[in-house]
Amino acid sequence: MNKSERATVAHFILLGFPGPWKMQITLFSVIFLVYMLTLTGNLAIICAVWWDHRLHTPMYILLANFSFLEIWYVTCTVPNMLVNFLWETKTISFSGCFTQFYFFFSLGTTECFFLCIMAYDRYLAICRPLHYPSIMTGQLCSILVSLCWLIGFLAYSIPIFFISQLPFCGANIIDHFLCDVEPLMALSCDPTPIVGHVFHSMSCFIIILTILYILGSYTLVLRAVLQVPSSAGRQKAFSTCGSHLVVVSLFYGTIMVMYVNPTSDNSFAIHKIITLIYSVGTPVLNPFIYSLRNKDMKCALHHVICGMRIIHSS
């Protein structure tokens, strides 16, 4: 089949989670609740850091940026998924599909780099506390945050552009709830597109590089914690680092199954469940793990809520 004979598609159909109407309503309700909790928790963190000047430190600036990232990360996929639960026509335009594809991977990549910076921040705070104020300055924090956003949004721009230029013909049905690389590559007329291998190699490189850095940082942190003479101090540090590592493991464990290990043997249902875990599940946990368990953050949120009540009552 030559290029002129290939029929391109104008839209795709996202099958999502097919099933009876009652199941669709149940899934809609659960995911809508999770989405609202994610937005509320992350917005609360952003407001607390913005309004409480005591939290204008690198650690909390990183957390506020991370929360801002999480809001957009879930918003690029969840609203469209919720609409598809209620509508029989589950179409998404060609441009809309690739826009979602770009933002989903760009925001996910930015999250990987943010997790690295946050691990580095914890390493400096615990392993080099005396040098922490002179190393993690506001200027360095701003540079690191800017690099995260810049690299995250540039990394996949060229590969995704070339994927969008591939000829798509035949069926336009994607057995997923979002536009992901594997379903899109499966619909391409080109049997062996080089850009698909480039995309897979980039994903493996970024995921493996960042997870090794995060694990290395927390290994040094845990080694320093073991040298703390106070058992209460050790327990607090272990609790904090342990909870961080649980979320990191959940996020990286699922994305490694999807983008590092071969996934052709897994069913489409497994793909969707795994994607749901790291794209919807971890963002709702992050505010509670990284911020809302923090004493300073809880105090700031209390002041913000009390201030809002006073303004509302007056």
Protein backbone atom coordinates (compact mmCIF):
# COMPACT_ATOMS: atom_id res chain seq x y z
CA MET A 1 0.00 0.00 0.00
CA ASN A 2 1.61 3.29 -1.05
CA LYS A 3 1.23 6.59 0.72
CA SER A 4 -1.49 7.88 -1.58
CA GLU A 5 -3.63 4.81 -0.93
CA ARG A 6 -3.52 5.13 2.82
CA ALA A 7 -6.63 6.59 4.40
CA THR A 8 -5.97 8.84 7.36
CA VAL A 9 -8.33 9.16 10.32
CA ALA A 10 -9.95 12.37 11.57
CA HIS A 11 -10.80 11.10 15.04
CA PHE A 12 -10.30 8.17 17.40
CA ILE A 13 -12.72 6.23 19.58
CA LEU A 14 -11.60 5.67 23.18
CA LEU A 15 -13.31 2.53 24.45
CA GLY A 16 -12.38 3.26 28.08
CA PHE A 17 -14.01 0.78 30.47
CA PRO A 18 -16.90 -0.80 28.55
CA GLY A 19 -19.73 -2.33 30.55
CA PRO A 20 -23.36 -1.89 31.64
CA TRP A 21 -24.73 1.53 32.52
CA LYS A 22 -24.68 0.89 36.29
CA MET A 23 -20.99 0.05 36.16
CA GLN A 24 -20.31 3.20 34.12
CA ILE A 25 -22.09 5.33 36.74
CA THR A 26 -20.18 3.62 39.57
CA LEU A 27 -16.84 4.18 37.87
CA PHE A 28 -17.80 7.77 37.10
CA SER A 29 -18.67 8.41 40.76
CA VAL A 30 -15.47 6.85 42.13
CA ILE A 31 -13.11 8.58 39.70
CA PHE A 32 -14.95 11.90 40.06
CA LEU A 33 -14.55 11.66 43.86
CA VAL A 34 -10.85 10.86 43.51
CA TYR A 35 -10.43 13.74 41.07
CA MET A 36 -12.11 16.18 43.46
CA LEU A 37 -9.93 14.98 46.35
CA THR A 38 -6.84 15.43 44.19
CA LEU A 39 -7.79 18.96 43.22
CA THR A 40 -8.78 19.91 46.78
CA GLY A 41 -5.65 18.49 48.42
CA ASN A 42 -3.23 20.01 45.93
CA LEU A 43 -4.99 23.37 45.83
CA ALA A 44 -4.88 23.49 49.63
CA ILE A 45 -1.11 22.99 49.55
CA ILE A 46 -0.63 25.72 46.93
CA CYS A 47 -2.78 28.18 48.91
CA ALA A 48 -0.99 27.40 52.17
CA VAL A 49 2.46 27.97 50.65
CA TRP A 50 1.28 31.08 48.82
CA TRP A 51 -0.31 32.77 51.84
CA ASP A 52 1.98 31.66 54.68
CA HIS A 53 5.34 33.45 54.40
CA ARG A 54 6.91 30.97 56.82
CA LEU A 55 6.59 28.35 54.08
CA HIS A 56 8.48 30.40 51.48
CA THR A 57 11.41 28.00 51.67
CA PRO A 58 12.84 25.71 48.96
CA MET A 59 11.21 22.59 50.41
CA TYR A 60 7.69 24.03 50.35
CA ILE A 61 8.19 25.85 47.05
CA LEU A 62 9.05 22.46 45.55
CA LEU A 63 5.93 20.95 47.12
CA ALA A 64 3.73 23.76 45.79
CA ASN A 65 5.12 23.31 42.27
CA PHE A 66 4.66 19.56 42.60
CA SER A 67 1.03 20.07 43.62
CA PHE A 68 0.48 22.42 40.67
CA LEU A 69 1.94 19.72 38.42
CA GLU A 70 -0.34 17.04 39.85
CA ILE A 71 -3.44 19.16 39.22
CA TRP A 72 -2.61 19.43 35.52
CA TYR A 73 -1.46 15.82 35.32
CA VAL A 74 -4.89 14.46 36.30
CA THR A 75 -6.77 17.20 34.45
CA CYS A 76 -5.26 16.29 31.07
CA THR A 77 -6.97 12.86 31.19
CA VAL A 78 -9.68 12.60 33.86
CA PRO A 79 -12.29 15.12 32.59
CA ASN A 80 -12.36 13.49 29.16
CA MET A 81 -12.60 10.06 30.80
CA LEU A 82 -15.53 11.22 32.97
CA VAL A 83 -17.38 12.57 29.92
CA ASN A 84 -16.90 9.26 28.12
CA PHE A 85 -18.50 7.40 31.02
CA LEU A 86 -21.73 9.33 30.41
CA TRP A 87 -21.75 9.50 26.63
CA GLU A 88 -22.23 6.71 24.14
CA THR A 89 -20.08 8.53 21.57
CA LYS A 90 -16.58 8.26 22.98
CA THR A 91 -14.75 10.05 20.20
CA ILE A 92 -11.73 12.33 20.46
CA SER A 93 -10.43 14.39 17.57
CA PHE A 94 -7.05 13.64 16.00
CA SER A 95 -5.56 16.91 17.29
CA GLY A 96 -7.22 16.44 20.69
CA CYS A 97 -5.77 12.95 20.99
CA PHE A 98 -2.23 14.05 20.26
CA THR A 99 -2.58 17.12 22.49
CA GLN A 100 -3.57 14.83 25.36
CA PHE A 101 -0.76 12.43 24.43
CA TYR A 102 1.81 15.27 24.53
CA PHE A 103 0.67 16.77 27.83
CA PHE A 104 0.29 13.37 29.49
CA PHE A 105 3.89 12.38 28.74
CA SER A 106 5.33 15.86 29.28
CA LEU A 107 3.70 16.20 32.71
CA GLY A 108 4.64 12.63 33.61
CA THR A 109 8.27 13.28 32.67
CA THR A 110 8.24 16.52 34.65
CA GLU A 111 6.97 14.56 37.65
CA CYS A 112 9.92 12.15 37.40
CA PHE A 113 12.35 15.07 37.52
CA PHE A 114 10.45 16.74 40.37
CA LEU A 115 10.70 13.54 42.40
CA CYS A 116 14.47 13.64 41.81
CA ILE A 117 14.74 17.23 43.04
CA MET A 118 12.63 16.48 46.11
CA ALA A 119 14.84 13.47 46.89
CA TYR A 120 17.91 15.71 46.50
CA ASP A 121 16.33 18.29 48.82
CA ARG A 122 15.70 15.63 51.48
CA TYR A 123 19.27 14.34 51.06
CA LEU A 124 20.72 17.81 51.68
CA ALA A 125 18.39 18.49 54.62
CA ILE A 126 19.19 15.22 56.41
CA CYS A 127 22.74 14.33 55.31
CA ARG A 128 24.18 17.84 55.07
CA PRO A 129 22.04 19.98 57.38
CA LEU A 130 24.72 22.60 58.10
CA HIS A 131 25.33 23.23 54.40
CA TYR A 132 21.67 23.01 53.39
CA PRO A 133 20.86 26.78 53.59
CA SER A 134 23.93 27.72 51.55
CA ILE A 135 23.39 25.02 48.89
CA MET A 136 19.61 24.92 48.44
CA THR A 137 19.13 28.64 47.99
CA GLY A 138 16.05 30.26 46.52
CA GLN A 139 17.95 30.88 43.29
CA LEU A 140 19.04 27.23 42.94
CA CYS A 141 15.50 26.08 43.75
CA SER A 142 14.08 28.33 41.02
CA ILE A 143 16.64 27.06 38.51
CA LEU A 144 15.90 23.41 39.32
CA VAL A 145 12.14 23.95 39.11
CA SER A 146 12.48 25.76 35.77
CA LEU A 147 14.69 22.98 34.38
CA CYS A 148 12.12 20.36 35.42
CA TRP A 149 9.35 22.10 33.50
CA LEU A 150 11.56 22.92 30.52
CA ILE A 151 13.09 19.46 30.07
CA GLY A 152 9.78 17.75 30.77
CA PHE A 153 7.98 19.65 28.01
CA LEU A 154 10.81 19.49 25.49
CA ALA A 155 11.82 15.84 25.90
CA TYR A 156 8.95 14.25 23.97
CA SER A 157 7.97 17.14 21.71
CA ILE A 158 9.91 15.93 18.66
CA PRO A 159 9.06 12.18 18.95
CA ILE A 160 5.36 12.92 19.48
CA PHE A 161 5.36 15.30 16.52
CA PHE A 162 6.80 12.56 14.28
CA ILE A 163 4.32 10.02 15.64
CA SER A 164 1.50 12.42 14.72
CA GLN A 165 2.86 12.48 11.16
CA LEU A 166 2.60 8.69 10.79
CA PRO A 167 -0.15 7.43 8.48
CA PHE A 168 -3.10 6.02 10.43
CA CYS A 169 -5.48 3.83 8.52
CA GLY A 170 -8.11 1.17 9.04
CA ALA A 171 -9.72 0.99 12.46
CA ASN A 172 -9.56 4.11 14.64
CA ILE A 173 -10.57 2.36 17.86
CA ILE A 174 -8.25 2.73 20.88
CA ASP A 175 -8.94 0.19 23.62
CA HIS A 176 -7.90 2.59 26.37
CA PHE A 177 -9.25 5.61 28.26
CA LEU A 178 -6.51 7.92 26.97
CA CYS A 179 -4.24 8.34 23.96
CA ASP A 180 -1.12 6.35 24.81
CA VAL A 181 1.87 5.40 22.70
CA GLU A 182 1.25 1.66 22.30
CA PRO A 183 -2.39 1.90 21.09
CA LEU A 184 -1.47 4.71 18.69
CA MET A 185 1.50 2.85 17.26
CA ALA A 186 -0.71 -0.20 16.79
CA LEU A 187 -3.03 1.85 14.54
CA SER A 188 -0.22 3.12 12.32
CA CYS A 189 0.01 1.81 8.75
CA ASP A 190 3.79 1.77 9.06
CA PRO A 191 4.67 -1.72 10.42
CA THR A 192 8.07 -0.76 11.88
CA PRO A 193 8.23 2.98 12.59
CA ILE A 194 11.67 4.02 13.85
CA VAL A 195 10.11 6.79 15.94
CA GLY A 196 8.39 4.13 18.07
CA HIS A 197 11.74 2.61 19.02
CA VAL A 198 13.16 6.08 19.73
CA PHE A 199 10.18 6.87 21.95
CA HIS A 200 10.56 3.58 23.85
CA SER A 201 14.31 4.11 24.32
CA MET A 202 13.78 7.64 25.64
CA SER A 203 11.13 6.44 28.09
CA CYS A 204 13.41 3.67 29.39
CA PHE A 205 16.34 6.07 29.76
CA ILE A 206 14.38 8.72 31.66
CA ILE A 207 12.59 6.26 33.94
CA ILE A 208 15.67 4.20 34.82
CA LEU A 209 17.93 7.24 35.26
CA THR A 210 15.52 9.06 37.59
CA ILE A 211 14.57 6.01 39.68
CA LEU A 212 18.24 5.12 40.22
CA TYR A 213 18.94 8.69 41.36
CA ILE A 214 15.95 8.69 43.73
CA LEU A 215 16.85 5.31 45.22
CA GLY A 216 20.48 6.41 45.61
CA SER A 217 19.44 9.60 47.40
CA TYR A 218 17.13 7.78 49.80
CA THR A 219 19.78 5.13 50.46
CA LEU A 220 22.13 7.87 51.66
CA VAL A 221 19.29 9.41 53.68
CA LEU A 222 18.44 6.11 55.39
CA ARG A 223 22.11 5.48 56.13
CA ALA A 224 22.28 8.89 57.82
CA VAL A 225 19.07 8.18 59.73
CA LEU A 226 20.52 4.98 61.15
CA GLN A 227 23.27 7.08 62.76
CA VAL A 228 20.76 9.29 64.60
CA PRO A 229 21.14 8.53 68.35
CA SER A 230 17.52 9.33 69.24
CA SER A 231 15.11 6.47 68.61
CA ALA A 232 12.25 8.96 68.25
CA GLY A 233 14.21 10.86 65.60
CA ARG A 234 14.99 7.66 63.73
CA GLN A 235 11.35 6.58 63.85
CA LYS A 236 10.15 9.95 62.52
CA ALA A 237 12.71 9.97 59.71
CA PHE A 238 11.94 6.36 58.78
CA SER A 239 8.22 7.14 58.73
CA THR A 240 8.74 10.14 56.42
CA CYS A 241 11.19 8.42 54.07
CA GLY A 242 9.16 5.21 54.08
CA SER A 243 5.96 6.95 53.06
CA HIS A 244 7.80 8.82 50.31
CA LEU A 245 9.28 5.60 49.00
CA VAL A 246 5.88 3.90 48.99
CA VAL A 247 4.47 6.53 46.63
CA VAL A 248 7.63 6.57 44.50
CA SER A 249 7.54 2.76 44.27
CA LEU A 250 3.86 2.79 43.31
CA PHE A 251 4.42 5.41 40.61
CA TYR A 252 7.63 3.96 39.18
CA GLY A 253 6.55 0.35 39.55
CA THR A 254 3.51 0.93 37.34
CA ILE A 255 5.21 3.10 34.71
CA MET A 256 8.09 0.61 34.44
CA VAL A 257 5.61 -2.18 33.72
CA MET A 258 4.05 -0.01 31.00
CA TYR A 259 7.07 1.59 29.36
CA VAL A 260 10.21 -0.38 30.31
CA ASN A 261 9.13 -4.04 30.35
CA PRO A 262 7.55 -5.55 27.23
CA THR A 263 3.79 -5.18 27.65
CA SER A 264 2.54 -7.07 24.61
CA ASP A 265 1.72 -10.12 26.71
CA ASN A 266 -0.56 -8.14 29.03
CA SER A 267 -4.22 -7.68 28.21
CA PHE A 268 -5.72 -4.28 27.43
CA ALA A 269 -7.64 -4.46 30.71
CA ILE A 270 -4.37 -4.80 32.65
CA HIS A 271 -2.91 -1.86 30.71
CA LYS A 272 -5.86 0.32 31.67
CA ILE A 273 -5.74 -0.64 35.36
CA ILE A 274 -2.00 0.00 35.57
CA THR A 275 -2.37 3.37 33.82
CA LEU A 276 -5.23 4.27 36.16
CA ILE A 277 -3.00 3.61 39.19
CA TYR A 278 -0.17 5.95 38.21
CA SER A 279 -2.27 8.60 36.44
CA VAL A 280 -5.14 8.88 38.95
CA GLY A 281 -4.16 6.91 42.07
CA THR A 282 -0.76 8.38 42.94
CA PRO A 283 -1.76 12.05 42.44
CA VAL A 284 -4.45 11.71 45.12
CA LEU A 285 -1.95 10.16 47.56
CA ASN A 286 0.86 12.66 47.04
CA PRO A 287 -0.72 15.60 48.96
CA PHE A 288 -1.25 13.41 52.02
CA ILE A 289 2.16 11.75 51.86
CA TYR A 290 4.36 14.73 51.02
CA SER A 291 2.59 17.63 52.66
CA LEU A 292 -0.56 17.13 54.71
CA ARG A 293 1.24 14.89 57.23
CA ASN A 294 3.75 17.71 57.81
CA LYS A 295 3.23 19.68 61.04
CA ASP A 296 4.14 23.07 59.51
CA MET A 297 1.85 22.46 56.55
CA LYS A 298 -1.07 21.46 58.77
CA CYS A 299 -0.53 24.59 60.86
CA ALA A 300 -0.46 26.78 57.74
CA LEU A 301 -3.62 25.15 56.40
CA HIS A 302 -5.33 25.74 59.74
CA HIS A 303 -4.46 29.47 59.57
CA VAL A 304 -5.63 29.67 55.95
CA ILE A 305 -8.98 28.01 56.75
CA CYS A 306 -9.51 30.20 59.81
CA GLY A 307 -8.66 33.29 57.78
CA MET A 308 -11.14 32.33 55.09
CA ARG A 309 -13.82 31.78 57.73
CA ILE A 310 -13.19 35.23 59.22
CA ILE A 311 -13.37 36.86 55.76
CA HIS A 312 -16.54 34.92 54.94
CA SER A 313 -18.24 35.78 58.23
CA SER A 314 -17.39 39.47 57.96
